[in-house]
């Protein structure tokens, strides 16, 4: 059966996804509490895979837990921690447990995280991982040997950053991911909507694969300045930082800003990917303010 998210892509719906982090430990209660509030408001919930190289529960295990509670996941799979054998094993296991949507990522560098003495693998990167998924979907493994116990049918997506300084590099990377089989794209946090518009009109127009603009909930001016200082490639405009600084209730102002950005994205691309770190409970409020209605759909299978 086709997943809700894949069907929404086929039906050319305005797509809404949101990001949650797996637990750091064995109890998924908080993740489930957060994800439950997103049910019927998003087409799928992204489950991160060691984001920022910080230890958390397996994205595959966390995605299966969400599925068991009727919440459709987009399972992120990063190349940093596993070789080709491990990646294939996890993808086959994920598929057998009901996971269908995969976001193929290279992964953040070890030095960014909380286990700086660990060894990175990076045998593959995101483009080669997409090619690997395509092979598994056609019934062969990395070495082009047939899979005797049936092919997979995964729905792979990729990340994109329309704000990259190198326009030719952005175009080249995007086209490689398309050729490798990416069926949808989720962007990094968008702060320059002029660049998003340019990307949509000059690069993404070569194909009809949906682009979901990354929308980040800024909680305060301090939060925005921190992101500017420590997140590469992000430049939150001074006008937004000033709005947050002048607001009597900065968090409420951040919700308004995020809703405005969702509306902007609606006029430019095919969806939004919402990131509200530790305040995922506010995503429905952002969507309401942006005029995005609840989603009607069947439970994931």
C-alpha atoms as a PDB file:
ATOM      1  CA  UNK A   1       0.000   0.000   0.000  1.00  0.00           C
ATOM      2  CA  UNK A   2       1.231   3.491  -0.870  1.00  0.00           C
ATOM      3  CA  UNK A   3       2.131   5.602   2.169  1.00  0.00           C
ATOM      4  CA  UNK A   4       0.120   8.739   2.972  1.00  0.00           C
ATOM      5  CA  UNK A   5       3.147  10.919   2.255  1.00  0.00           C
ATOM      6  CA  UNK A   6       3.876   9.282  -1.091  1.00  0.00           C
ATOM      7  CA  UNK A   7       0.202   9.542  -2.070  1.00  0.00           C
ATOM      8  CA  UNK A   8       0.184  13.236  -1.144  1.00  0.00           C
ATOM      9  CA  UNK A   9       3.191  13.718  -3.451  1.00  0.00           C
ATOM     10  CA  UNK A  10       1.388  11.851  -6.264  1.00  0.00           C
ATOM     11  CA  UNK A  11      -1.740  13.957  -5.688  1.00  0.00           C
ATOM     12  CA  UNK A  12       0.381  17.154  -5.755  1.00  0.00           C
ATOM     13  CA  UNK A  13      -0.840  18.284  -2.343  1.00  0.00           C
ATOM     14  CA  UNK A  14       0.882  21.105  -0.479  1.00  0.00           C
ATOM     15  CA  UNK A  15       3.137  18.947   1.688  1.00  0.00           C
ATOM     16  CA  UNK A  16       3.763  19.474   5.384  1.00  0.00           C
ATOM     17  CA  UNK A  17       6.368  17.604   7.400  1.00  0.00           C
ATOM     18  CA  UNK A  18       7.874  18.287  10.816  1.00  0.00           C
ATOM     19  CA  UNK A  19      11.013  17.139  12.588  1.00  0.00           C
ATOM     20  CA  UNK A  20      11.329  15.282  15.881  1.00  0.00           C
ATOM     21  CA  UNK A  21      14.397  13.859  17.593  1.00  0.00           C
ATOM     22  CA  UNK A  22      14.473  10.283  18.911  1.00  0.00           C
ATOM     23  CA  UNK A  23      14.985   9.884  22.662  1.00  0.00           C
ATOM     24  CA  UNK A  24      18.403   9.918  24.246  1.00  0.00           C
ATOM     25  CA  UNK A  25      17.742   6.774  26.219  1.00  0.00           C
ATOM     26  CA  UNK A  26      15.281   3.897  26.138  1.00  0.00           C
ATOM     27  CA  UNK A  27      12.017   5.701  26.883  1.00  0.00           C
ATOM     28  CA  UNK A  28      10.205   7.121  23.823  1.00  0.00           C
ATOM     29  CA  UNK A  29       7.412   8.751  25.864  1.00  0.00           C
ATOM     30  CA  UNK A  30       8.354  12.368  25.131  1.00  0.00           C
ATOM     31  CA  UNK A  31       8.871  11.702  21.433  1.00  0.00           C
ATOM     32  CA  UNK A  32       5.451  10.076  21.249  1.00  0.00           C
ATOM     33  CA  UNK A  33       3.837  12.925  23.171  1.00  0.00           C
ATOM     34  CA  UNK A  34       5.309  15.453  20.740  1.00  0.00           C
ATOM     35  CA  UNK A  35       4.518  13.416  17.630  1.00  0.00           C
ATOM     36  CA  UNK A  36       0.907  12.817  18.736  1.00  0.00           C
ATOM     37  CA  UNK A  37       0.305  16.577  18.592  1.00  0.00           C
ATOM     38  CA  UNK A  38       1.429  16.544  14.967  1.00  0.00           C
ATOM     39  CA  UNK A  39      -0.940  13.775  13.942  1.00  0.00           C
ATOM     40  CA  UNK A  40      -3.375  14.955  11.259  1.00  0.00           C
ATOM     41  CA  UNK A  41      -1.419  18.217  10.938  1.00  0.00           C
ATOM     42  CA  UNK A  42       1.515  16.907   8.902  1.00  0.00           C
ATOM     43  CA  UNK A  43       1.805  14.310   6.157  1.00  0.00           C
ATOM     44  CA  UNK A  44       4.797  12.726   7.884  1.00  0.00           C
ATOM     45  CA  UNK A  45       7.136  13.232  10.828  1.00  0.00           C
ATOM     46  CA  UNK A  46      10.886  13.312  10.142  1.00  0.00           C
ATOM     47  CA  UNK A  47      12.923  11.229  12.572  1.00  0.00           C
ATOM     48  CA  UNK A  48      16.511  12.427  12.777  1.00  0.00           C
ATOM     49  CA  UNK A  49      19.508  10.093  12.538  1.00  0.00           C
ATOM     50  CA  UNK A  50      22.245  11.295  14.864  1.00  0.00           C
ATOM     51  CA  UNK A  51      21.670  14.934  13.908  1.00  0.00           C
ATOM     52  CA  UNK A  52      24.683  17.160  14.706  1.00  0.00           C
ATOM     53  CA  UNK A  53      26.522  13.884  15.503  1.00  0.00           C
ATOM     54  CA  UNK A  54      24.756  13.736  18.870  1.00  0.00           C
ATOM     55  CA  UNK A  55      23.891  10.282  20.227  1.00  0.00           C
ATOM     56  CA  UNK A  56      20.208   9.342  20.162  1.00  0.00           C
ATOM     57  CA  UNK A  57      18.085   6.242  19.618  1.00  0.00           C
ATOM     58  CA  UNK A  58      18.246   4.620  16.174  1.00  0.00           C
ATOM     59  CA  UNK A  59      16.089   6.499  13.687  1.00  0.00           C
ATOM     60  CA  UNK A  60      14.810   3.156  12.384  1.00  0.00           C
ATOM     61  CA  UNK A  61      13.691   2.022  15.840  1.00  0.00           C
ATOM     62  CA  UNK A  62      12.123   5.407  16.612  1.00  0.00           C
ATOM     63  CA  UNK A  63      10.319   5.395  13.248  1.00  0.00           C
ATOM     64  CA  UNK A  64       8.871   1.949  13.943  1.00  0.00           C
ATOM     65  CA  UNK A  65       7.604   3.169  17.330  1.00  0.00           C
ATOM     66  CA  UNK A  66       5.838   6.075  15.594  1.00  0.00           C
ATOM     67  CA  UNK A  67       4.303   3.682  13.061  1.00  0.00           C
ATOM     68  CA  UNK A  68       2.982   1.536  15.900  1.00  0.00           C
ATOM     69  CA  UNK A  69       1.145   4.639  17.155  1.00  0.00           C
ATOM     70  CA  UNK A  70      -0.354   5.516  13.773  1.00  0.00           C
ATOM     71  CA  UNK A  71       2.125   8.267  12.885  1.00  0.00           C
ATOM     72  CA  UNK A  72       3.851   8.094   9.501  1.00  0.00           C
ATOM     73  CA  UNK A  73       7.616   8.729   9.612  1.00  0.00           C
ATOM     74  CA  UNK A  74      10.218   9.967   7.199  1.00  0.00           C
ATOM     75  CA  UNK A  75      13.180   7.998   8.488  1.00  0.00           C
ATOM     76  CA  UNK A  76      16.460   9.843   8.085  1.00  0.00           C
ATOM     77  CA  UNK A  77      19.440   7.647   7.211  1.00  0.00           C
ATOM     78  CA  UNK A  78      22.931   9.157   7.442  1.00  0.00           C
ATOM     79  CA  UNK A  79      26.130   7.670   6.006  1.00  0.00           C
ATOM     80  CA  UNK A  80      28.446   8.789   8.806  1.00  0.00           C
ATOM     81  CA  UNK A  81      28.135   5.801  11.152  1.00  0.00           C
ATOM     82  CA  UNK A  82      27.639   2.781   8.877  1.00  0.00           C
ATOM     83  CA  UNK A  83      29.427   1.139   6.004  1.00  0.00           C
ATOM     84  CA  UNK A  84      27.643  -0.127   2.919  1.00  0.00           C
ATOM     85  CA  UNK A  85      26.747  -3.452   4.574  1.00  0.00           C
ATOM     86  CA  UNK A  86      25.236  -1.728   7.604  1.00  0.00           C
ATOM     87  CA  UNK A  87      23.273   0.758   5.501  1.00  0.00           C
ATOM     88  CA  UNK A  88      21.769  -1.990   3.353  1.00  0.00           C
ATOM     89  CA  UNK A  89      20.930  -4.084   6.399  1.00  0.00           C
ATOM     90  CA  UNK A  90      19.159  -1.156   8.070  1.00  0.00           C
ATOM     91  CA  UNK A  91      17.248  -0.236   4.910  1.00  0.00           C
ATOM     92  CA  UNK A  92      16.034  -3.818   4.456  1.00  0.00           C
ATOM     93  CA  UNK A  93      15.097  -4.016   8.124  1.00  0.00           C
ATOM     94  CA  UNK A  94      13.294  -0.674   7.996  1.00  0.00           C
ATOM     95  CA  UNK A  95      11.290  -1.763   4.964  1.00  0.00           C
ATOM     96  CA  UNK A  96      10.331  -5.096   6.531  1.00  0.00           C
ATOM     97  CA  UNK A  97       9.029  -3.220   9.594  1.00  0.00           C
ATOM     98  CA  UNK A  98       6.780  -0.970   7.531  1.00  0.00           C
ATOM     99  CA  UNK A  99       8.932   2.123   6.969  1.00  0.00           C
ATOM    100  CA  UNK A 100       8.574   3.505   3.451  1.00  0.00           C
ATOM    101  CA  UNK A 101       9.887   7.098   3.423  1.00  0.00           C
ATOM    102  CA  UNK A 102      13.655   7.603   3.658  1.00  0.00           C
ATOM    103  CA  UNK A 103      15.636  10.854   3.698  1.00  0.00           C
ATOM    104  CA  UNK A 104      19.145  10.066   2.465  1.00  0.00           C
ATOM    105  CA  UNK A 105      21.806  12.180   4.166  1.00  0.00           C
ATOM    106  CA  UNK A 106      25.581  12.285   4.261  1.00  0.00           C
ATOM    107  CA  UNK A 107      25.566  13.129   7.989  1.00  0.00           C
ATOM    108  CA  UNK A 108      27.148  15.792  10.171  1.00  0.00           C
ATOM    109  CA  UNK A 109      30.865  15.565  11.055  1.00  0.00           C
ATOM    110  CA  UNK A 110      31.857  13.795  14.264  1.00  0.00           C
ATOM    111  CA  UNK A 111      33.571  16.914  15.615  1.00  0.00           C
ATOM    112  CA  UNK A 112      30.192  18.662  15.805  1.00  0.00           C
ATOM    113  CA  UNK A 113      28.780  16.176  18.301  1.00  0.00           C
ATOM    114  CA  UNK A 114      29.115  14.636  21.739  1.00  0.00           C
ATOM    115  CA  UNK A 115      31.407  11.694  20.878  1.00  0.00           C
ATOM    116  CA  UNK A 116      34.377  13.467  19.362  1.00  0.00           C
ATOM    117  CA  UNK A 117      36.702  10.460  19.720  1.00  0.00           C
ATOM    118  CA  UNK A 118      34.429   8.191  17.668  1.00  0.00           C
ATOM    119  CA  UNK A 119      35.457   7.162  14.161  1.00  0.00           C
ATOM    120  CA  UNK A 120      33.391   8.312  11.230  1.00  0.00           C
ATOM    121  CA  UNK A 121      32.734   5.904   8.342  1.00  0.00           C
ATOM    122  CA  UNK A 122      31.389   7.898   5.367  1.00  0.00           C
ATOM    123  CA  UNK A 123      31.912   4.986   2.957  1.00  0.00           C
ATOM    124  CA  UNK A 124      29.015   6.515   1.033  1.00  0.00           C
ATOM    125  CA  UNK A 125      27.538  10.004   0.868  1.00  0.00           C
ATOM    126  CA  UNK A 126      23.979  11.081   0.111  1.00  0.00           C
ATOM    127  CA  UNK A 127      24.087  10.724  -3.695  1.00  0.00           C
ATOM    128  CA  UNK A 128      25.590   7.232  -3.535  1.00  0.00           C
ATOM    129  CA  UNK A 129      23.093   6.318  -0.799  1.00  0.00           C
ATOM    130  CA  UNK A 130      20.250   7.355  -3.112  1.00  0.00           C
ATOM    131  CA  UNK A 131      21.749   5.155  -5.834  1.00  0.00           C
ATOM    132  CA  UNK A 132      21.969   2.297  -3.348  1.00  0.00           C
ATOM    133  CA  UNK A 133      18.278   2.698  -2.428  1.00  0.00           C
ATOM    134  CA  UNK A 134      17.405   2.646  -6.132  1.00  0.00           C
ATOM    135  CA  UNK A 135      19.307  -0.626  -6.517  1.00  0.00           C
ATOM    136  CA  UNK A 136      17.507  -2.203  -3.555  1.00  0.00           C
ATOM    137  CA  UNK A 137      14.202  -1.052  -5.029  1.00  0.00           C
ATOM    138  CA  UNK A 138      15.035  -2.821  -8.294  1.00  0.00           C
ATOM    139  CA  UNK A 139      15.947  -6.030  -6.474  1.00  0.00           C
ATOM    140  CA  UNK A 140      19.748  -5.992  -6.401  1.00  0.00           C
ATOM    141  CA  UNK A 141      22.308  -5.156  -3.746  1.00  0.00           C
ATOM    142  CA  UNK A 142      25.277  -2.779  -3.863  1.00  0.00           C
ATOM    143  CA  UNK A 143      27.260  -5.350  -5.864  1.00  0.00           C
ATOM    144  CA  UNK A 144      24.390  -5.865  -8.344  1.00  0.00           C
ATOM    145  CA  UNK A 145      23.637  -9.316  -6.898  1.00  0.00           C
ATOM    146  CA  UNK A 146      19.915 -10.261  -6.868  1.00  0.00           C
ATOM    147  CA  UNK A 147      18.000 -10.062  -3.595  1.00  0.00           C
ATOM    148  CA  UNK A 148      16.515 -13.577  -3.246  1.00  0.00           C
ATOM    149  CA  UNK A 149      13.894 -12.440  -0.736  1.00  0.00           C
ATOM    150  CA  UNK A 150      12.246  -9.684  -2.804  1.00  0.00           C
ATOM    151  CA  UNK A 151      13.037  -6.109  -3.731  1.00  0.00           C
ATOM    152  CA  UNK A 152      12.212  -3.112  -1.539  1.00  0.00           C
ATOM    153  CA  UNK A 153       9.855  -0.271  -2.408  1.00  0.00           C
ATOM    154  CA  UNK A 154      11.263   2.692  -0.504  1.00  0.00           C
ATOM    155  CA  UNK A 155      10.357   6.325  -1.267  1.00  0.00           C
ATOM    156  CA  UNK A 156      13.664   8.223  -1.092  1.00  0.00           C
ATOM    157  CA  UNK A 157      14.181  11.929  -0.581  1.00  0.00           C
ATOM    158  CA  UNK A 158      17.169  14.222  -0.185  1.00  0.00           C
ATOM    159  CA  UNK A 159      18.229  17.470   1.436  1.00  0.00           C
ATOM    160  CA  UNK A 160      18.884  20.691  -0.458  1.00  0.00           C
ATOM    161  CA  UNK A 161      20.150  24.131   0.546  1.00  0.00           C
ATOM    162  CA  UNK A 162      18.929  26.862  -1.860  1.00  0.00           C
ATOM    163  CA  UNK A 163      21.103  29.384  -0.005  1.00  0.00           C
ATOM    164  CA  UNK A 164      24.455  27.860  -0.970  1.00  0.00           C
ATOM    165  CA  UNK A 165      26.971  30.483  -2.079  1.00  0.00           C
ATOM    166  CA  UNK A 166      28.039  28.395  -5.053  1.00  0.00           C
ATOM    167  CA  UNK A 167      25.112  28.479  -7.485  1.00  0.00           C
ATOM    168  CA  UNK A 168      26.805  26.075  -9.902  1.00  0.00           C
ATOM    169  CA  UNK A 169      27.608  23.729  -7.013  1.00  0.00           C
ATOM    170  CA  UNK A 170      23.976  23.822  -5.848  1.00  0.00           C
ATOM    171  CA  UNK A 171      22.709  23.049  -9.340  1.00  0.00           C
ATOM    172  CA  UNK A 172      25.210  20.241  -9.889  1.00  0.00           C
ATOM    173  CA  UNK A 173      24.419  18.592  -6.546  1.00  0.00           C
ATOM    174  CA  UNK A 174      20.663  18.925  -7.022  1.00  0.00           C
ATOM    175  CA  UNK A 175      20.808  17.377 -10.484  1.00  0.00           C
ATOM    176  CA  UNK A 176      22.962  14.490  -9.211  1.00  0.00           C
ATOM    177  CA  UNK A 177      20.390  13.747  -6.504  1.00  0.00           C
ATOM    178  CA  UNK A 178      17.593  13.822  -9.060  1.00  0.00           C
ATOM    179  CA  UNK A 179      19.501  11.418 -11.304  1.00  0.00           C
ATOM    180  CA  UNK A 180      20.184   9.163  -8.313  1.00  0.00           C
ATOM    181  CA  UNK A 181      16.462   8.786  -7.663  1.00  0.00           C
ATOM    182  CA  UNK A 182      15.385  11.440  -5.124  1.00  0.00           C
ATOM    183  CA  UNK A 183      11.585  11.754  -5.194  1.00  0.00           C
ATOM    184  CA  UNK A 184      11.289  14.766  -2.881  1.00  0.00           C
ATOM    185  CA  UNK A 185      13.570  17.386  -1.335  1.00  0.00           C
ATOM    186  CA  UNK A 186      13.536  18.966   2.112  1.00  0.00           C
ATOM    187  CA  UNK A 187      15.531  22.155   2.425  1.00  0.00           C
ATOM    188  CA  UNK A 188      17.754  23.464   5.152  1.00  0.00           C
ATOM    189  CA  UNK A 189      16.398  26.379   7.195  1.00  0.00           C
ATOM    190  CA  UNK A 190      15.328  29.124   4.771  1.00  0.00           C
ATOM    191  CA  UNK A 191      16.132  32.702   5.786  1.00  0.00           C
ATOM    192  CA  UNK A 192      16.439  34.248   2.319  1.00  0.00           C
ATOM    193  CA  UNK A 193      13.211  33.718   0.393  1.00  0.00           C
ATOM    194  CA  UNK A 194      14.549  35.595  -2.621  1.00  0.00           C
ATOM    195  CA  UNK A 195      17.139  32.848  -3.006  1.00  0.00           C
ATOM    196  CA  UNK A 196      14.452  30.185  -2.571  1.00  0.00           C
ATOM    197  CA  UNK A 197      12.402  31.842  -5.316  1.00  0.00           C
ATOM    198  CA  UNK A 198      15.453  31.993  -7.586  1.00  0.00           C
ATOM    199  CA  UNK A 199      16.227  28.323  -6.869  1.00  0.00           C
ATOM    200  CA  UNK A 200      12.664  27.289  -7.678  1.00  0.00           C
ATOM    201  CA  UNK A 201      12.620  29.238 -10.955  1.00  0.00           C
ATOM    202  CA  UNK A 202      16.132  28.501 -12.200  1.00  0.00           C
ATOM    203  CA  UNK A 203      17.105  25.071 -10.851  1.00  0.00           C
ATOM    204  CA  UNK A 204      14.170  23.116  -9.394  1.00  0.00           C
ATOM    205  CA  UNK A 205      12.054  23.841 -12.478  1.00  0.00           C
ATOM    206  CA  UNK A 206      13.908  21.127 -14.432  1.00  0.00           C
ATOM    207  CA  UNK A 207      11.787  18.496 -12.679  1.00  0.00           C
ATOM    208  CA  UNK A 208       8.479  18.287 -10.875  1.00  0.00           C
ATOM    209  CA  UNK A 209       9.830  16.683  -7.718  1.00  0.00           C
ATOM    210  CA  UNK A 210       8.436  18.569  -4.696  1.00  0.00           C
ATOM    211  CA  UNK A 211      10.600  20.969  -2.699  1.00  0.00           C
ATOM    212  CA  UNK A 212       9.720  21.460   0.981  1.00  0.00           C
ATOM    213  CA  UNK A 213      11.085  24.720   2.394  1.00  0.00           C
ATOM    214  CA  UNK A 214      12.684  24.429   5.822  1.00  0.00           C
ATOM    215  CA  UNK A 215      10.890  26.699   8.323  1.00  0.00           C
ATOM    216  CA  UNK A 216      12.509  27.133  11.743  1.00  0.00           C
ATOM    217  CA  UNK A 217      10.757  28.467  14.858  1.00  0.00           C
ATOM    218  CA  UNK A 218      12.907  31.235  16.337  1.00  0.00           C
ATOM    219  CA  UNK A 219      12.207  31.582  20.048  1.00  0.00           C
ATOM    220  CA  UNK A 220      14.019  34.849  20.789  1.00  0.00           C
ATOM    221  CA  UNK A 221      16.566  37.315  19.458  1.00  0.00           C
ATOM    222  CA  UNK A 222      19.213  35.460  21.454  1.00  0.00           C
ATOM    223  CA  UNK A 223      18.201  32.199  19.783  1.00  0.00           C
ATOM    224  CA  UNK A 224      18.429  33.848  16.340  1.00  0.00           C
ATOM    225  CA  UNK A 225      21.872  35.316  17.042  1.00  0.00           C
ATOM    226  CA  UNK A 226      23.107  31.929  18.282  1.00  0.00           C
ATOM    227  CA  UNK A 227      21.964  30.291  15.038  1.00  0.00           C
ATOM    228  CA  UNK A 228      23.682  32.982  12.980  1.00  0.00           C
ATOM    229  CA  UNK A 229      26.915  32.422  14.889  1.00  0.00           C
ATOM    230  CA  UNK A 230      26.985  28.634  14.977  1.00  0.00           C
ATOM    231  CA  UNK A 231      24.958  27.236  12.064  1.00  0.00           C
ATOM    232  CA  UNK A 232      26.966  27.367   8.810  1.00  0.00           C
ATOM    233  CA  UNK A 233      25.263  28.966   5.836  1.00  0.00           C
ATOM    234  CA  UNK A 234      22.467  30.583   7.844  1.00  0.00           C
ATOM    235  CA  UNK A 235      22.038  34.353   7.927  1.00  0.00           C
ATOM    236  CA  UNK A 236      18.894  35.447   9.753  1.00  0.00           C
ATOM    237  CA  UNK A 237      18.155  39.043   8.678  1.00  0.00           C
ATOM    238  CA  UNK A 238      18.649  41.855  11.193  1.00  0.00           C
ATOM    239  CA  UNK A 239      15.018  42.873  10.650  1.00  0.00           C
ATOM    240  CA  UNK A 240      13.786  39.550  12.038  1.00  0.00           C
ATOM    241  CA  UNK A 241      16.211  39.652  14.972  1.00  0.00           C
ATOM    242  CA  UNK A 242      14.996  43.179  15.754  1.00  0.00           C
ATOM    243  CA  UNK A 243      11.361  42.059  15.637  1.00  0.00           C
ATOM    244  CA  UNK A 244      12.140  39.373  18.185  1.00  0.00           C
ATOM    245  CA  UNK A 245      14.152  41.768  20.345  1.00  0.00           C
ATOM    246  CA  UNK A 246      11.349  44.368  20.377  1.00  0.00           C
ATOM    247  CA  UNK A 247       8.531  41.906  21.027  1.00  0.00           C
ATOM    248  CA  UNK A 248       6.877  41.818  24.420  1.00  0.00           C
ATOM    249  CA  UNK A 249       6.487  38.050  23.954  1.00  0.00           C
ATOM    250  CA  UNK A 250       9.368  36.897  21.716  1.00  0.00           C
ATOM    251  CA  UNK A 251       8.126  33.319  21.398  1.00  0.00           C
ATOM    252  CA  UNK A 252       4.725  34.499  20.140  1.00  0.00           C
ATOM    253  CA  UNK A 253       6.516  36.773  17.677  1.00  0.00           C
ATOM    254  CA  UNK A 254       8.568  33.778  16.527  1.00  0.00           C
ATOM    255  CA  UNK A 255       5.347  31.846  15.889  1.00  0.00           C
ATOM    256  CA  UNK A 256       4.030  34.759  13.784  1.00  0.00           C
ATOM    257  CA  UNK A 257       7.282  34.932  11.814  1.00  0.00           C
ATOM    258  CA  UNK A 258       7.189  31.179  11.131  1.00  0.00           C
ATOM    259  CA  UNK A 259       3.546  31.394   9.977  1.00  0.00           C
ATOM    260  CA  UNK A 260       4.433  34.276   7.641  1.00  0.00           C
ATOM    261  CA  UNK A 261       7.258  32.182   6.200  1.00  0.00           C
ATOM    262  CA  UNK A 262       4.917  29.218   5.649  1.00  0.00           C
ATOM    263  CA  UNK A 263       2.645  31.523   3.633  1.00  0.00           C
ATOM    264  CA  UNK A 264       5.633  32.778   1.635  1.00  0.00           C
ATOM    265  CA  UNK A 265       6.686  29.200   0.900  1.00  0.00           C
ATOM    266  CA  UNK A 266       3.151  28.373  -0.267  1.00  0.00           C
ATOM    267  CA  UNK A 267       3.553  30.877  -3.079  1.00  0.00           C
ATOM    268  CA  UNK A 268       6.937  29.484  -4.148  1.00  0.00           C
ATOM    269  CA  UNK A 269       7.199  25.738  -3.634  1.00  0.00           C
ATOM    270  CA  UNK A 270       5.286  22.530  -2.972  1.00  0.00           C
ATOM    271  CA  UNK A 271       5.575  22.224   0.794  1.00  0.00           C
ATOM    272  CA  UNK A 272       7.199  23.095   4.104  1.00  0.00           C
ATOM    273  CA  UNK A 273       9.362  21.197   6.563  1.00  0.00           C
ATOM    274  CA  UNK A 274       8.882  22.602  10.072  1.00  0.00           C
ATOM    275  CA  UNK A 275      11.613  22.576  12.710  1.00  0.00           C
ATOM    276  CA  UNK A 276      10.687  23.720  16.226  1.00  0.00           C
ATOM    277  CA  UNK A 277      13.396  22.270  18.437  1.00  0.00           C
ATOM    278  CA  UNK A 278      11.978  21.383  21.893  1.00  0.00           C
ATOM    279  CA  UNK A 279       8.749  23.260  21.057  1.00  0.00           C
ATOM    280  CA  UNK A 280       7.226  20.943  18.491  1.00  0.00           C
ATOM    281  CA  UNK A 281       3.938  21.367  20.368  1.00  0.00           C
ATOM    282  CA  UNK A 282       3.674  24.848  18.792  1.00  0.00           C
ATOM    283  CA  UNK A 283       3.676  23.568  15.207  1.00  0.00           C
ATOM    284  CA  UNK A 284      -0.143  23.240  15.036  1.00  0.00           C
ATOM    285  CA  UNK A 285      -0.428  26.889  16.139  1.00  0.00           C
ATOM    286  CA  UNK A 286       1.988  27.940  13.388  1.00  0.00           C
ATOM    287  CA  UNK A 287      -0.027  25.996  10.812  1.00  0.00           C
ATOM    288  CA  UNK A 288      -3.330  27.455  12.052  1.00  0.00           C
ATOM    289  CA  UNK A 289      -1.944  30.986  11.831  1.00  0.00           C
ATOM    290  CA  UNK A 290      -0.715  30.253   8.297  1.00  0.00           C
ATOM    291  CA  UNK A 291      -4.152  28.957   7.277  1.00  0.00           C
ATOM    292  CA  UNK A 292      -3.004  25.353   6.785  1.00  0.00           C
ATOM    293  CA  UNK A 293      -5.919  23.053   7.579  1.00  0.00           C
ATOM    294  CA  UNK A 294      -5.668  19.650   9.296  1.00  0.00           C
ATOM    295  CA  UNK A 295      -4.848  16.741   7.012  1.00  0.00           C
ATOM    296  CA  UNK A 296      -7.349  14.009   6.329  1.00  0.00           C
ATOM    297  CA  UNK A 297      -5.831  10.648   5.606  1.00  0.00           C
ATOM    298  CA  UNK A 298      -5.761   6.992   6.465  1.00  0.00           C
ATOM    299  CA  UNK A 299      -3.490   5.508   9.085  1.00  0.00           C
ATOM    300  CA  UNK A 300      -0.066   4.415   7.790  1.00  0.00           C
ATOM    301  CA  UNK A 301       0.350   0.737   7.055  1.00  0.00           C
END
